[in-house]
């Protein structure tokens, strides 16, 4: 598999990059952009699980592009909002892929906060060349369980004022000062799902599950150990926007970008793309109802064109890195990418 890193500048000048993967043989298929979630990086789609979505796409002759947007741990740390990514990052990434490939369309697989921010771009009409979108976990309507909602409401705002960031790498490097040390100690005592502190801190950071981001029974040992290097700091400013969105029942803007609408759900989307929504039935980060609600909203705009798939026995990220995902999940996603 051929690999190259293609730098590009976001609309506000932030330096980002795309990882381009291909087999060097054109099959006449459009390029596919993969967009990761918060506090990880593009590499999250390449777990040592015995077969990845990247492998499946390249085997089918797709040109694959992994986007490291501003939430990536592979770019310099900064505070960011979903609005920043929607206006500045994803449109620039799509333009770069089109320029590099000469294609006239792009298809996309988007996950978690890569999905929410990319959906904001799509609904606002900022990525008109994207024709098919496969979204996992959450998109326009974030739904969390009651305990996670209480945590967002009462723990995140005061913590954000004091700390600014949470970092699962405290499980490797050690927490830097008193409050992070207290948080890490609390997590060590209360999370008993495994012995890995990065795994435990990731669960604490992104919800209230034990674990939150995957079902341990779906991961092989190599993937669980590999994850220790794939999660790092995430700004709490992002969680404040998610709290506002959960309270509103749909995504809300955090900033005043003129390129974004006042509401993402009060008017038809400015995109001709077809959307396929996926959710793990056991997702402890965002409830499957998140994707069902967004699908219902799109279905009201254009009945029968979009799809929703709930995956039994899967959680959040194990949809992409589960030991059996190559059999259970990827064929369904490939099928959706083929449909126009």
Protein backbone atom coordinates (compact mmCIF):
# COMPACT_ATOMS: atom_id res chain seq x y z
CA UNK A 1 0.00 0.00 0.00
CA UNK A 2 1.36 3.41 -0.98
CA UNK A 3 1.32 6.16 1.66
CA UNK A 4 2.09 9.87 1.53
CA UNK A 5 1.37 12.83 3.80
CA UNK A 6 -0.16 15.85 2.06
CA UNK A 7 -0.08 19.08 4.09
CA UNK A 8 -2.83 21.65 3.65
CA UNK A 9 -3.88 24.88 5.33
CA UNK A 10 -7.26 25.29 6.95
CA UNK A 11 -9.28 28.35 6.03
CA UNK A 12 -7.88 30.28 9.00
CA UNK A 13 -4.30 29.26 8.24
CA UNK A 14 -3.95 26.36 10.71
CA UNK A 15 -1.55 23.75 9.34
CA UNK A 16 -3.22 20.34 8.90
CA UNK A 17 -2.57 17.28 6.76
CA UNK A 18 -4.06 14.36 4.87
CA UNK A 19 -2.65 10.84 4.78
CA UNK A 20 -3.11 9.45 1.28
CA UNK A 21 -3.29 5.67 0.91
CA UNK A 22 -3.76 3.71 -2.30
CA UNK A 23 -2.70 0.56 -4.11
CA UNK A 24 -1.38 2.60 -7.04
CA UNK A 25 -4.02 1.24 -9.41
CA UNK A 26 -7.01 3.34 -10.43
CA UNK A 27 -10.38 1.59 -10.41
CA UNK A 28 -12.29 4.65 -11.57
CA UNK A 29 -13.77 5.15 -8.11
CA UNK A 30 -14.07 8.55 -6.39
CA UNK A 31 -11.71 9.32 -3.52
CA UNK A 32 -12.93 8.63 0.02
CA UNK A 33 -12.19 10.97 2.92
CA UNK A 34 -12.07 9.49 6.45
CA UNK A 35 -12.60 11.91 9.33
CA UNK A 36 -11.66 10.96 12.92
CA UNK A 37 -13.16 12.07 16.24
CA UNK A 38 -11.85 14.31 19.03
CA UNK A 39 -8.57 13.82 20.87
CA UNK A 40 -7.29 11.10 18.53
CA UNK A 41 -5.82 11.26 15.00
CA UNK A 42 -6.25 9.92 11.48
CA UNK A 43 -4.36 6.80 12.51
CA UNK A 44 -7.41 5.69 14.55
CA UNK A 45 -8.76 4.02 11.40
CA UNK A 46 -5.68 1.76 11.22
CA UNK A 47 -5.91 -0.41 14.33
CA UNK A 48 -4.07 -3.77 14.33
CA UNK A 49 -7.40 -5.55 14.29
CA UNK A 50 -6.74 -8.05 11.53
CA UNK A 51 -8.35 -5.93 8.81
CA UNK A 52 -9.28 -2.25 8.74
CA UNK A 53 -11.72 -0.12 6.78
CA UNK A 54 -8.71 1.41 5.06
CA UNK A 55 -7.63 -2.07 3.92
CA UNK A 56 -11.13 -2.83 2.64
CA UNK A 57 -11.39 0.46 0.74
CA UNK A 58 -7.95 0.18 -0.86
CA UNK A 59 -8.66 -3.43 -1.85
CA UNK A 60 -11.77 -2.23 -3.67
CA UNK A 61 -9.71 0.32 -5.58
CA UNK A 62 -10.62 3.45 -3.66
CA UNK A 63 -8.19 6.33 -3.20
CA UNK A 64 -8.25 6.83 0.60
CA UNK A 65 -7.54 10.11 2.35
CA UNK A 66 -7.32 10.31 6.16
CA UNK A 67 -7.87 13.85 7.44
CA UNK A 68 -5.92 15.15 10.43
CA UNK A 69 -8.16 18.10 11.37
CA UNK A 70 -7.58 20.47 14.28
CA UNK A 71 -8.84 17.95 16.86
CA UNK A 72 -5.98 15.61 15.92
CA UNK A 73 -3.26 14.89 18.45
CA UNK A 74 -0.80 15.01 15.52
CA UNK A 75 -1.18 18.79 15.10
CA UNK A 76 -0.23 21.48 17.66
CA UNK A 77 -2.64 21.70 20.58
CA UNK A 78 -5.23 24.48 20.54
CA UNK A 79 -8.71 25.20 21.79
CA UNK A 80 -11.27 24.60 19.09
CA UNK A 81 -14.99 24.34 18.46
CA UNK A 82 -16.98 22.28 15.99
CA UNK A 83 -17.66 25.54 14.14
CA UNK A 84 -13.94 26.04 13.50
CA UNK A 85 -13.66 22.61 11.93
CA UNK A 86 -16.89 22.97 9.94
CA UNK A 87 -15.91 26.31 8.41
CA UNK A 88 -12.14 26.02 8.11
CA UNK A 89 -10.97 22.39 8.16
CA UNK A 90 -13.30 20.06 6.28
CA UNK A 91 -14.00 22.30 3.26
CA UNK A 92 -10.24 22.83 2.83
CA UNK A 93 -9.62 19.07 3.14
CA UNK A 94 -12.21 18.31 0.47
CA UNK A 95 -10.75 20.94 -1.86
CA UNK A 96 -7.28 19.50 -1.36
CA UNK A 97 -8.44 15.98 -2.23
CA UNK A 98 -10.16 17.27 -5.38
CA UNK A 99 -7.04 19.21 -6.42
CA UNK A 100 -4.73 16.26 -5.76
CA UNK A 101 -6.87 13.69 -7.56
CA UNK A 102 -8.60 15.66 -10.30
CA UNK A 103 -11.86 14.00 -9.24
CA UNK A 104 -15.20 15.77 -9.50
CA UNK A 105 -16.65 14.28 -6.31
CA UNK A 106 -15.57 12.99 -2.91
CA UNK A 107 -17.24 10.41 -0.66
CA UNK A 108 -16.72 10.48 3.10
CA UNK A 109 -16.73 8.28 6.19
CA UNK A 110 -17.07 10.44 9.29
CA UNK A 111 -16.95 9.50 12.98
CA UNK A 112 -18.06 11.13 16.26
CA UNK A 113 -16.97 14.81 16.44
CA UNK A 114 -15.50 14.49 12.98
CA UNK A 115 -19.05 13.57 12.04
CA UNK A 116 -20.80 16.39 13.90
CA UNK A 117 -18.46 19.05 12.52
CA UNK A 118 -18.54 17.58 8.99
CA UNK A 119 -22.34 17.48 9.13
CA UNK A 120 -22.32 21.17 10.00
CA UNK A 121 -20.20 21.76 6.88
CA UNK A 122 -22.59 19.71 4.75
CA UNK A 123 -25.83 21.25 6.06
CA UNK A 124 -24.34 24.74 5.57
CA UNK A 125 -23.45 23.93 1.95
CA UNK A 126 -19.69 24.21 2.49
CA UNK A 127 -18.77 20.81 0.96
CA UNK A 128 -20.94 20.67 -2.18
CA UNK A 129 -18.62 18.19 -3.93
CA UNK A 130 -19.27 15.46 -1.35
CA UNK A 131 -21.79 13.04 -2.83
CA UNK A 132 -22.11 10.23 -0.27
CA UNK A 133 -21.52 10.38 3.49
CA UNK A 134 -21.28 7.42 5.89
CA UNK A 135 -21.66 8.76 9.43
CA UNK A 136 -20.93 6.78 12.58
CA UNK A 137 -22.16 7.32 16.16
CA UNK A 138 -23.56 10.87 16.10
CA UNK A 139 -24.32 13.66 13.67
CA UNK A 140 -26.96 16.40 14.04
CA UNK A 141 -28.76 15.16 17.17
CA UNK A 142 -26.44 14.20 20.06
CA UNK A 143 -28.21 12.04 22.65
CA UNK A 144 -26.44 10.87 25.81
CA UNK A 145 -27.61 8.97 28.87
CA UNK A 146 -28.86 10.77 31.97
CA UNK A 147 -25.64 10.34 33.97
CA UNK A 148 -23.51 11.65 31.09
CA UNK A 149 -25.83 14.62 30.74
CA UNK A 150 -25.46 15.43 34.45
CA UNK A 151 -21.68 15.12 34.12
CA UNK A 152 -21.66 17.53 31.16
CA UNK A 153 -23.87 19.99 33.02
CA UNK A 154 -22.22 20.05 36.44
CA UNK A 155 -18.61 18.81 36.04
CA UNK A 156 -17.42 20.15 32.68
CA UNK A 157 -17.98 23.94 33.12
CA UNK A 158 -16.03 24.31 36.40
CA UNK A 159 -13.32 21.91 35.22
CA UNK A 160 -12.96 23.85 31.97
CA UNK A 161 -12.39 27.08 33.89
CA UNK A 162 -9.59 25.52 35.94
CA UNK A 163 -7.89 23.08 33.53
CA UNK A 164 -8.85 23.65 29.92
CA UNK A 165 -7.95 20.09 28.85
CA UNK A 166 -8.35 16.43 29.78
CA UNK A 167 -5.65 14.01 28.66
CA UNK A 168 -5.83 10.18 28.72
CA UNK A 169 -2.02 10.18 28.40
CA UNK A 170 -1.92 10.94 32.11
CA UNK A 171 -2.21 7.16 32.31
CA UNK A 172 1.27 6.90 30.75
CA UNK A 173 3.10 10.07 31.74
CA UNK A 174 1.43 10.75 35.07
CA UNK A 175 -0.85 13.69 35.81
CA UNK A 176 1.03 17.03 35.93
CA UNK A 177 -0.46 18.73 39.01
CA UNK A 178 -2.91 18.30 41.88
CA UNK A 179 -6.32 18.42 40.18
CA UNK A 180 -5.33 16.10 37.29
CA UNK A 181 -3.77 13.77 39.87
CA UNK A 182 -7.05 13.72 41.82
CA UNK A 183 -9.01 12.98 38.63
CA UNK A 184 -6.63 10.18 37.65
CA UNK A 185 -6.83 8.72 41.15
CA UNK A 186 -10.63 8.81 41.07
CA UNK A 187 -10.69 7.11 37.68
CA UNK A 188 -8.25 4.42 38.84
CA UNK A 189 -10.50 3.56 41.77
CA UNK A 190 -13.90 3.77 40.05
CA UNK A 191 -13.16 2.26 36.61
CA UNK A 192 -12.54 -1.45 37.03
CA UNK A 193 -13.26 -2.61 33.47
CA UNK A 194 -9.57 -3.26 32.74
CA UNK A 195 -6.07 -2.51 34.07
CA UNK A 196 -5.08 0.05 31.42
CA UNK A 197 -5.19 3.63 32.68
CA UNK A 198 -5.34 5.16 29.19
CA UNK A 199 -8.41 3.05 28.48
CA UNK A 200 -9.94 4.05 31.82
CA UNK A 201 -9.19 7.76 31.36
CA UNK A 202 -10.59 7.66 27.83
CA UNK A 203 -13.83 6.22 29.21
CA UNK A 204 -13.96 8.97 31.86
CA UNK A 205 -13.15 11.71 29.33
CA UNK A 206 -15.84 10.82 26.82
CA UNK A 207 -18.73 9.66 28.97
CA UNK A 208 -19.84 7.52 31.86
CA UNK A 209 -19.52 3.99 30.51
CA UNK A 210 -17.25 1.27 31.78
CA UNK A 211 -15.92 1.27 29.13
CA UNK A 212 -17.39 4.17 27.10
CA UNK A 213 -15.77 3.93 23.66
CA UNK A 214 -15.74 0.20 22.90
CA UNK A 215 -16.80 -3.21 24.10
CA UNK A 216 -13.72 -4.98 25.38
CA UNK A 217 -14.99 -8.30 24.06
CA UNK A 218 -14.82 -6.84 20.53
CA UNK A 219 -11.13 -5.89 20.69
CA UNK A 220 -8.18 -8.20 20.28
CA UNK A 221 -5.26 -7.81 22.69
CA UNK A 222 -3.02 -6.05 20.14
CA UNK A 223 -5.67 -3.37 19.48
CA UNK A 224 -6.28 -2.75 23.18
CA UNK A 225 -2.56 -2.24 23.77
CA UNK A 226 -2.19 -0.10 20.62
CA UNK A 227 -4.89 2.26 21.88
CA UNK A 228 -2.54 3.44 24.64
CA UNK A 229 -0.80 5.65 22.07
CA UNK A 230 -3.89 6.89 20.24
CA UNK A 231 -5.65 9.07 22.82
CA UNK A 232 -4.30 12.37 24.14
CA UNK A 233 -5.43 15.83 25.17
CA UNK A 234 -8.81 17.27 24.22
CA UNK A 235 -10.00 20.82 25.01
CA UNK A 236 -12.97 21.14 27.32
CA UNK A 237 -14.28 24.00 25.14
CA UNK A 238 -15.55 21.31 22.80
CA UNK A 239 -17.52 19.63 25.62
CA UNK A 240 -19.20 22.93 26.45
CA UNK A 241 -20.56 23.04 22.90
CA UNK A 242 -21.73 19.43 23.16
CA UNK A 243 -23.55 20.26 26.41
CA UNK A 244 -25.37 23.13 24.70
CA UNK A 245 -26.27 20.82 21.82
CA UNK A 246 -27.49 18.01 24.09
CA UNK A 247 -29.66 20.51 25.98
CA UNK A 248 -31.07 21.90 22.72
CA UNK A 249 -31.66 18.44 21.24
CA UNK A 250 -29.60 19.22 18.15
CA UNK A 251 -26.26 20.77 17.18
CA UNK A 252 -25.86 24.43 18.01
CA UNK A 253 -23.10 26.78 16.94
CA UNK A 254 -20.59 27.97 19.53
CA UNK A 255 -19.22 30.92 17.58
CA UNK A 256 -20.60 33.53 15.21
CA UNK A 257 -19.33 32.26 11.87
CA UNK A 258 -21.34 33.95 9.08
CA UNK A 259 -20.84 30.83 6.92
CA UNK A 260 -22.98 28.76 9.32
CA UNK A 261 -26.78 28.98 9.62
CA UNK A 262 -28.49 30.16 12.79
CA UNK A 263 -29.99 26.67 13.11
CA UNK A 264 -28.83 23.39 11.58
CA UNK A 265 -32.29 21.80 11.71
CA UNK A 266 -34.83 24.56 10.96
CA UNK A 267 -34.28 24.59 7.19
CA UNK A 268 -33.50 21.94 4.55
CA UNK A 269 -29.80 21.01 4.25
CA UNK A 270 -27.81 22.73 1.51
CA UNK A 271 -26.39 19.51 0.13
CA UNK A 272 -27.34 16.92 -2.47
CA UNK A 273 -25.33 14.21 -0.70
CA UNK A 274 -26.89 10.91 0.31
CA UNK A 275 -26.34 9.97 3.97
CA UNK A 276 -25.96 6.54 5.58
CA UNK A 277 -26.11 6.67 9.37
CA UNK A 278 -24.51 3.94 11.49
CA UNK A 279 -24.67 3.38 15.25
CA UNK A 280 -23.50 0.66 17.60
CA UNK A 281 -26.43 -0.74 19.53
CA UNK A 282 -24.32 -0.74 22.73
CA UNK A 283 -22.71 2.69 22.25
CA UNK A 284 -22.12 4.15 25.71
CA UNK A 285 -20.83 7.48 24.36
CA UNK A 286 -23.79 8.56 22.19
CA UNK A 287 -27.03 6.60 22.21
CA UNK A 288 -28.14 5.00 18.90
CA UNK A 289 -31.15 7.31 19.12
CA UNK A 290 -28.75 10.07 18.02
CA UNK A 291 -28.47 8.62 14.53
CA UNK A 292 -32.10 7.56 14.36
CA UNK A 293 -33.20 11.14 14.99
CA UNK A 294 -30.88 12.58 12.36
CA UNK A 295 -31.98 9.97 9.84
CA UNK A 296 -35.62 10.82 10.57
CA UNK A 297 -34.84 14.50 9.99
CA UNK A 298 -33.18 13.80 6.64
CA UNK A 299 -35.95 11.39 5.68
CA UNK A 300 -38.51 14.16 6.15
CA UNK A 301 -36.53 16.29 3.70
CA UNK A 302 -36.07 13.54 1.08
CA UNK A 303 -38.11 10.41 1.92
CA UNK A 304 -36.53 7.02 1.26
CA UNK A 305 -33.14 8.28 0.05
CA UNK A 306 -31.10 7.98 3.26
CA UNK A 307 -30.50 4.96 5.50
CA UNK A 308 -29.84 4.12 9.14
CA UNK A 309 -28.16 0.93 10.41
CA UNK A 310 -27.88 -0.08 14.07
CA UNK A 311 -25.12 -2.64 14.61
CA UNK A 312 -25.88 -5.33 17.23
CA UNK A 313 -23.17 -6.02 19.83
CA UNK A 314 -21.07 -2.98 18.84
CA UNK A 315 -20.30 0.19 20.76
CA UNK A 316 -18.61 3.40 19.61
CA UNK A 317 -15.13 2.98 18.10
CA UNK A 318 -15.15 -0.82 17.90
CA UNK A 319 -17.33 -0.30 14.82
CA UNK A 320 -13.99 0.46 13.10
CA UNK A 321 -11.50 -1.54 15.17
CA UNK A 322 -13.41 -4.59 16.35
CA UNK A 323 -11.77 -7.95 15.65
CA UNK A 324 -14.77 -8.96 13.50
CA UNK A 325 -15.62 -5.54 12.03
CA UNK A 326 -14.15 -6.54 8.65
CA UNK A 327 -16.91 -9.13 8.44
CA UNK A 328 -19.74 -7.47 10.39
CA UNK A 329 -19.42 -3.78 9.50
CA UNK A 330 -17.17 -2.88 6.56
CA UNK A 331 -19.19 -4.65 3.84
CA UNK A 332 -22.24 -2.62 4.94
CA UNK A 333 -20.29 0.64 4.78
CA UNK A 334 -18.78 -0.22 1.40
CA UNK A 335 -22.25 -0.98 0.09
CA UNK A 336 -23.48 2.41 1.24
CA UNK A 337 -20.51 4.17 -0.36
CA UNK A 338 -21.38 2.49 -3.67
CA UNK A 339 -24.98 3.70 -3.64
CA UNK A 340 -25.56 7.17 -5.06
